[in-house]
Amino acid sequence: MIDRTAFGLIGLGTMGSNLALNLEDHGIPVAFWNREPERSQAFAESNRDRRFTATSTFEELTRALERPRRILMMIPAGDPVDETLSRLVPLLDAGDVVIDGGNSHFHDTRRRADDL
């Protein structure tokens, strides 16, 4: 495990896992969380030569990141984004950045931006 990583990723589906690989290929260490912890562990184990940090909670994820934190969510649009934000935001500080990389409706994006 790396002490602090530069980038956080939530969601290790096809796009999320490939983004993690791409970021690390470009010298950016990545900490990640997936709702299925076994997927995070399997991804980390199959990429032992990379600067990855698998986490099993949002608390672990936020502690693993250098500040200001940069977190990309690659999860389904709609309720999953709102649910994730409701759990994640209390762990963040002013200046941290959360990016919704999914296909959210622009009205939802505006509402979330106003809320945050």
N, C-alpha and C. Protein backbone atom coordinates (compact mmCIF):
# COMPACT_ATOMS: atom_id res chain seq x y z
N MET A 1 0.84 -1.19 0.00
CA MET A 1 0.00 0.00 0.00
C MET A 1 0.88 1.25 0.00
N ILE A 2 0.51 2.20 -0.80
CA ILE A 2 1.22 3.47 -0.90
C ILE A 2 0.68 4.38 0.20
N ASP A 3 1.54 5.22 0.81
CA ASP A 3 1.09 6.10 1.88
C ASP A 3 -0.04 7.02 1.42
N ARG A 4 0.19 7.77 0.37
CA ARG A 4 -0.84 8.67 -0.17
C ARG A 4 -0.81 8.55 -1.69
N THR A 5 -1.98 8.52 -2.27
CA THR A 5 -2.06 8.46 -3.73
C THR A 5 -2.62 9.76 -4.27
N ALA A 6 -2.39 9.98 -5.55
CA ALA A 6 -2.77 11.24 -6.17
C ALA A 6 -4.22 11.28 -6.62
N PHE A 7 -4.82 10.11 -6.82
CA PHE A 7 -6.14 10.10 -7.45
C PHE A 7 -6.97 8.96 -6.89
N GLY A 8 -8.26 9.24 -6.68
CA GLY A 8 -9.19 8.23 -6.20
C GLY A 8 -10.20 7.87 -7.27
N LEU A 9 -10.59 6.62 -7.29
CA LEU A 9 -11.54 6.13 -8.28
C LEU A 9 -12.59 5.28 -7.58
N ILE A 10 -13.85 5.57 -7.86
CA ILE A 10 -14.96 4.78 -7.33
C ILE A 10 -15.61 4.08 -8.51
N GLY A 11 -15.57 2.76 -8.50
CA GLY A 11 -16.18 1.96 -9.56
C GLY A 11 -15.13 1.34 -10.46
N LEU A 12 -15.05 0.02 -10.43
CA LEU A 12 -14.06 -0.71 -11.23
C LEU A 12 -14.71 -1.55 -12.32
N GLY A 13 -15.73 -0.99 -12.95
CA GLY A 13 -16.29 -1.66 -14.12
C GLY A 13 -15.31 -1.55 -15.28
N THR A 14 -15.77 -1.82 -16.46
CA THR A 14 -14.89 -1.77 -17.64
C THR A 14 -14.21 -0.42 -17.78
N MET A 15 -14.98 0.66 -17.68
CA MET A 15 -14.39 1.99 -17.86
C MET A 15 -13.51 2.37 -16.67
N GLY A 16 -13.99 2.13 -15.45
CA GLY A 16 -13.22 2.50 -14.27
C GLY A 16 -11.89 1.78 -14.19
N SER A 17 -11.88 0.48 -14.43
CA SER A 17 -10.63 -0.27 -14.34
C SER A 17 -9.65 0.16 -15.43
N ASN A 18 -10.17 0.44 -16.63
CA ASN A 18 -9.27 0.90 -17.69
C ASN A 18 -8.75 2.31 -17.42
N LEU A 19 -9.56 3.16 -16.82
CA LEU A 19 -9.08 4.49 -16.43
C LEU A 19 -7.99 4.38 -15.36
N ALA A 20 -8.17 3.47 -14.41
CA ALA A 20 -7.14 3.27 -13.38
C ALA A 20 -5.82 2.85 -14.03
N LEU A 21 -5.89 1.93 -14.97
CA LEU A 21 -4.68 1.48 -15.67
C LEU A 21 -4.04 2.63 -16.45
N ASN A 22 -4.86 3.42 -17.12
CA ASN A 22 -4.35 4.54 -17.92
C ASN A 22 -3.70 5.59 -17.02
N LEU A 23 -4.36 5.94 -15.92
CA LEU A 23 -3.78 6.93 -15.01
C LEU A 23 -2.42 6.44 -14.49
N GLU A 24 -2.37 5.20 -14.05
CA GLU A 24 -1.12 4.67 -13.51
C GLU A 24 -0.04 4.57 -14.59
N ASP A 25 -0.43 4.24 -15.82
CA ASP A 25 0.51 4.24 -16.95
C ASP A 25 1.15 5.61 -17.13
N HIS A 26 0.43 6.66 -16.75
CA HIS A 26 0.93 8.02 -16.90
C HIS A 26 1.51 8.57 -15.60
N GLY A 27 1.87 7.67 -14.70
CA GLY A 27 2.59 8.08 -13.50
C GLY A 27 1.73 8.55 -12.35
N ILE A 28 0.43 8.29 -12.40
CA ILE A 28 -0.47 8.75 -11.34
C ILE A 28 -0.91 7.55 -10.50
N PRO A 29 -0.47 7.47 -9.25
CA PRO A 29 -0.92 6.38 -8.38
C PRO A 29 -2.42 6.53 -8.09
N VAL A 30 -3.11 5.41 -8.00
CA VAL A 30 -4.56 5.41 -7.86
C VAL A 30 -4.99 4.57 -6.66
N ALA A 31 -5.86 5.15 -5.83
CA ALA A 31 -6.58 4.39 -4.80
C ALA A 31 -7.99 4.18 -5.32
N PHE A 32 -8.53 3.00 -5.10
CA PHE A 32 -9.86 2.74 -5.63
C PHE A 32 -10.74 2.01 -4.63
N TRP A 33 -12.05 2.17 -4.86
CA TRP A 33 -13.09 1.50 -4.08
C TRP A 33 -14.12 0.99 -5.06
N ASN A 34 -14.62 -0.20 -4.79
CA ASN A 34 -15.70 -0.77 -5.58
C ASN A 34 -16.72 -1.36 -4.61
N ARG A 35 -18.00 -1.31 -4.97
CA ARG A 35 -19.02 -1.81 -4.04
C ARG A 35 -18.87 -3.29 -3.77
N GLU A 36 -18.17 -4.00 -4.63
CA GLU A 36 -17.85 -5.41 -4.39
C GLU A 36 -16.37 -5.48 -4.02
N PRO A 37 -16.05 -5.56 -2.73
CA PRO A 37 -14.66 -5.51 -2.28
C PRO A 37 -13.78 -6.58 -2.93
N GLU A 38 -14.35 -7.73 -3.24
CA GLU A 38 -13.55 -8.78 -3.87
C GLU A 38 -13.06 -8.36 -5.25
N ARG A 39 -13.82 -7.51 -5.93
CA ARG A 39 -13.37 -7.00 -7.24
C ARG A 39 -12.15 -6.09 -7.06
N SER A 40 -12.19 -5.25 -6.04
CA SER A 40 -11.04 -4.37 -5.76
C SER A 40 -9.79 -5.20 -5.46
N GLN A 41 -9.95 -6.21 -4.61
CA GLN A 41 -8.81 -7.05 -4.25
C GLN A 41 -8.28 -7.80 -5.46
N ALA A 42 -9.16 -8.36 -6.26
CA ALA A 42 -8.73 -9.11 -7.45
C ALA A 42 -8.01 -8.19 -8.44
N PHE A 43 -8.52 -6.98 -8.62
CA PHE A 43 -7.89 -6.03 -9.53
C PHE A 43 -6.50 -5.65 -9.02
N ALA A 44 -6.39 -5.39 -7.73
CA ALA A 44 -5.09 -5.04 -7.14
C ALA A 44 -4.12 -6.21 -7.26
N GLU A 45 -4.58 -7.42 -6.98
CA GLU A 45 -3.71 -8.59 -7.04
C GLU A 45 -3.25 -8.89 -8.46
N SER A 46 -4.10 -8.64 -9.44
CA SER A 46 -3.71 -8.90 -10.82
C SER A 46 -2.83 -7.79 -11.40
N ASN A 47 -2.62 -6.74 -10.62
CA ASN A 47 -1.80 -5.60 -11.05
C ASN A 47 -0.80 -5.23 -9.96
N ARG A 48 -0.16 -6.23 -9.38
CA ARG A 48 0.76 -6.00 -8.26
C ARG A 48 1.93 -5.08 -8.62
N ASP A 49 2.27 -5.02 -9.89
CA ASP A 49 3.40 -4.20 -10.32
C ASP A 49 3.03 -2.73 -10.47
N ARG A 50 1.79 -2.40 -10.20
CA ARG A 50 1.31 -1.02 -10.36
C ARG A 50 1.13 -0.34 -9.02
N ARG A 51 1.11 0.99 -9.06
CA ARG A 51 0.94 1.78 -7.84
C ARG A 51 -0.55 1.98 -7.56
N PHE A 52 -1.17 0.90 -7.11
CA PHE A 52 -2.59 0.88 -6.78
C PHE A 52 -2.77 0.64 -5.30
N THR A 53 -3.83 1.24 -4.76
CA THR A 53 -4.23 0.99 -3.38
C THR A 53 -5.70 0.61 -3.39
N ALA A 54 -5.99 -0.64 -3.04
CA ALA A 54 -7.37 -1.09 -2.93
C ALA A 54 -7.90 -0.69 -1.56
N THR A 55 -9.11 -0.15 -1.52
CA THR A 55 -9.73 0.21 -0.25
C THR A 55 -11.09 -0.47 -0.15
N SER A 56 -11.54 -0.69 1.08
CA SER A 56 -12.82 -1.37 1.26
C SER A 56 -13.89 -0.47 1.86
N THR A 57 -13.51 0.76 2.23
CA THR A 57 -14.49 1.72 2.75
C THR A 57 -14.17 3.10 2.18
N PHE A 58 -15.16 3.99 2.24
CA PHE A 58 -14.91 5.36 1.80
C PHE A 58 -13.94 6.06 2.75
N GLU A 59 -13.96 5.68 4.03
CA GLU A 59 -13.01 6.24 4.98
C GLU A 59 -11.58 5.90 4.58
N GLU A 60 -11.35 4.64 4.21
CA GLU A 60 -10.02 4.22 3.75
C GLU A 60 -9.63 4.96 2.48
N LEU A 61 -10.58 5.10 1.56
CA LEU A 61 -10.30 5.79 0.30
C LEU A 61 -9.86 7.23 0.56
N THR A 62 -10.63 7.95 1.36
CA THR A 62 -10.29 9.36 1.59
C THR A 62 -8.98 9.51 2.35
N ARG A 63 -8.69 8.58 3.27
CA ARG A 63 -7.40 8.62 3.99
C ARG A 63 -6.22 8.32 3.08
N ALA A 64 -6.46 7.56 2.02
CA ALA A 64 -5.38 7.16 1.11
C ALA A 64 -4.97 8.27 0.14
N LEU A 65 -5.76 9.34 0.07
CA LEU A 65 -5.53 10.37 -0.95
C LEU A 65 -4.81 11.59 -0.40
N GLU A 66 -3.89 12.10 -1.24
CA GLU A 66 -3.27 13.37 -0.88
C GLU A 66 -4.30 14.47 -1.05
N ARG A 67 -4.04 15.60 -0.40
CA ARG A 67 -4.97 16.73 -0.44
C ARG A 67 -4.47 17.83 -1.34
N PRO A 68 -5.35 18.54 -2.01
CA PRO A 68 -6.78 18.29 -2.06
C PRO A 68 -7.06 16.96 -2.76
N ARG A 69 -8.10 16.29 -2.32
CA ARG A 69 -8.46 14.99 -2.88
C ARG A 69 -9.10 15.17 -4.25
N ARG A 70 -8.80 14.23 -5.13
CA ARG A 70 -9.40 14.18 -6.46
C ARG A 70 -9.99 12.79 -6.63
N ILE A 71 -11.31 12.73 -6.78
CA ILE A 71 -12.00 11.45 -6.85
C ILE A 71 -12.91 11.43 -8.07
N LEU A 72 -12.77 10.39 -8.86
CA LEU A 72 -13.61 10.19 -10.04
C LEU A 72 -14.58 9.05 -9.76
N MET A 73 -15.87 9.32 -9.93
CA MET A 73 -16.89 8.27 -9.79
C MET A 73 -17.24 7.74 -11.17
N MET A 74 -17.05 6.45 -11.36
CA MET A 74 -17.44 5.77 -12.60
C MET A 74 -18.51 4.75 -12.23
N ILE A 75 -19.69 5.29 -11.92
CA ILE A 75 -20.80 4.46 -11.46
C ILE A 75 -22.05 4.82 -12.25
N PRO A 76 -23.09 3.98 -12.19
CA PRO A 76 -24.31 4.28 -12.94
C PRO A 76 -24.94 5.61 -12.50
N ALA A 77 -25.53 6.29 -13.45
CA ALA A 77 -26.20 7.57 -13.18
C ALA A 77 -27.43 7.35 -12.31
N GLY A 78 -27.90 8.45 -11.72
CA GLY A 78 -29.13 8.41 -10.94
C GLY A 78 -28.88 8.20 -9.46
N ASP A 79 -29.72 7.37 -8.86
CA ASP A 79 -29.65 7.14 -7.42
C ASP A 79 -28.27 6.68 -6.93
N PRO A 80 -27.56 5.82 -7.67
CA PRO A 80 -26.23 5.42 -7.18
C PRO A 80 -25.29 6.60 -6.95
N VAL A 81 -25.38 7.64 -7.78
CA VAL A 81 -24.53 8.81 -7.60
C VAL A 81 -24.93 9.56 -6.33
N ASP A 82 -26.23 9.78 -6.15
CA ASP A 82 -26.70 10.47 -4.95
C ASP A 82 -26.35 9.69 -3.68
N GLU A 83 -26.53 8.38 -3.71
CA GLU A 83 -26.20 7.54 -2.55
C GLU A 83 -24.71 7.60 -2.23
N THR A 84 -23.89 7.53 -3.27
CA THR A 84 -22.44 7.59 -3.07
C THR A 84 -22.03 8.94 -2.50
N LEU A 85 -22.56 10.00 -3.07
CA LEU A 85 -22.23 11.34 -2.57
C LEU A 85 -22.67 11.52 -1.12
N SER A 86 -23.81 10.98 -0.75
CA SER A 86 -24.28 11.15 0.63
C SER A 86 -23.34 10.47 1.62
N ARG A 87 -22.69 9.42 1.21
CA ARG A 87 -21.72 8.72 2.08
C ARG A 87 -20.33 9.34 2.00
N LEU A 88 -19.98 9.89 0.84
CA LEU A 88 -18.63 10.39 0.62
C LEU A 88 -18.41 11.82 1.12
N VAL A 89 -19.35 12.69 0.85
CA VAL A 89 -19.19 14.12 1.15
C VAL A 89 -18.84 14.41 2.61
N PRO A 90 -19.44 13.74 3.59
CA PRO A 90 -19.07 14.04 4.98
C PRO A 90 -17.59 13.76 5.29
N LEU A 91 -16.92 13.01 4.44
CA LEU A 91 -15.51 12.67 4.65
C LEU A 91 -14.55 13.61 3.93
N LEU A 92 -15.10 14.56 3.18
CA LEU A 92 -14.28 15.45 2.35
C LEU A 92 -14.12 16.82 3.01
N ASP A 93 -13.15 17.57 2.49
CA ASP A 93 -12.86 18.92 2.96
C ASP A 93 -13.10 19.91 1.83
N ALA A 94 -13.23 21.18 2.19
CA ALA A 94 -13.33 22.23 1.18
C ALA A 94 -12.12 22.14 0.26
N GLY A 95 -12.35 22.26 -1.03
CA GLY A 95 -11.26 22.19 -2.00
C GLY A 95 -11.08 20.83 -2.63
N ASP A 96 -11.65 19.78 -2.02
CA ASP A 96 -11.60 18.46 -2.64
C ASP A 96 -12.50 18.47 -3.88
N VAL A 97 -12.17 17.62 -4.84
CA VAL A 97 -12.91 17.58 -6.10
C VAL A 97 -13.48 16.19 -6.31
N VAL A 98 -14.77 16.13 -6.64
CA VAL A 98 -15.42 14.88 -6.99
C VAL A 98 -15.97 15.04 -8.41
N ILE A 99 -15.62 14.11 -9.26
CA ILE A 99 -16.03 14.15 -10.66
C ILE A 99 -17.00 13.00 -10.91
N ASP A 100 -18.16 13.32 -11.48
CA ASP A 100 -19.12 12.29 -11.89
C ASP A 100 -18.81 11.96 -13.33
N GLY A 101 -18.18 10.81 -13.56
CA GLY A 101 -17.81 10.41 -14.91
C GLY A 101 -18.87 9.59 -15.61
N GLY A 102 -20.03 9.47 -14.98
CA GLY A 102 -21.11 8.69 -15.57
C GLY A 102 -21.94 9.52 -16.52
N ASN A 103 -23.10 9.03 -16.80
CA ASN A 103 -23.98 9.64 -17.79
C ASN A 103 -25.16 10.32 -17.10
N SER A 104 -24.87 11.16 -16.12
CA SER A 104 -25.94 11.82 -15.36
C SER A 104 -26.66 12.87 -16.20
N HIS A 105 -27.93 13.03 -15.93
CA HIS A 105 -28.74 14.05 -16.58
C HIS A 105 -28.25 15.42 -16.09
N PHE A 106 -28.20 16.39 -16.96
CA PHE A 106 -27.63 17.69 -16.60
C PHE A 106 -28.37 18.37 -15.47
N HIS A 107 -29.67 18.12 -15.33
CA HIS A 107 -30.42 18.70 -14.20
C HIS A 107 -29.90 18.12 -12.87
N ASP A 108 -29.61 16.83 -12.86
CA ASP A 108 -29.05 16.20 -11.66
C ASP A 108 -27.67 16.78 -11.35
N THR A 109 -26.88 16.98 -12.38
CA THR A 109 -25.54 17.54 -12.19
C THR A 109 -25.62 18.94 -11.59
N ARG A 110 -26.51 19.76 -12.12
CA ARG A 110 -26.68 21.13 -11.58
C ARG A 110 -27.15 21.10 -10.13
N ARG A 111 -28.10 20.22 -9.82
CA ARG A 111 -28.60 20.10 -8.45
C ARG A 111 -27.47 19.69 -7.50
N ARG A 112 -26.70 18.71 -7.91
CA ARG A 112 -25.59 18.25 -7.06
C ARG A 112 -24.54 19.35 -6.88
N ALA A 113 -24.24 20.07 -7.94
CA ALA A 113 -23.26 21.16 -7.83
C ALA A 113 -23.76 22.23 -6.86
N ASP A 114 -25.04 22.57 -6.93
CA ASP A 114 -25.62 23.54 -6.00
C ASP A 114 -25.56 23.02 -4.58
N ASP A 115 -25.86 21.74 -4.37
CA ASP A 115 -25.84 21.15 -3.04
C ASP A 115 -24.43 21.15 -2.45
N LEU A 116 -23.46 20.92 -3.29
CA LEU A 116 -22.08 20.81 -2.80
C LEU A 116 -21.43 22.18 -2.66
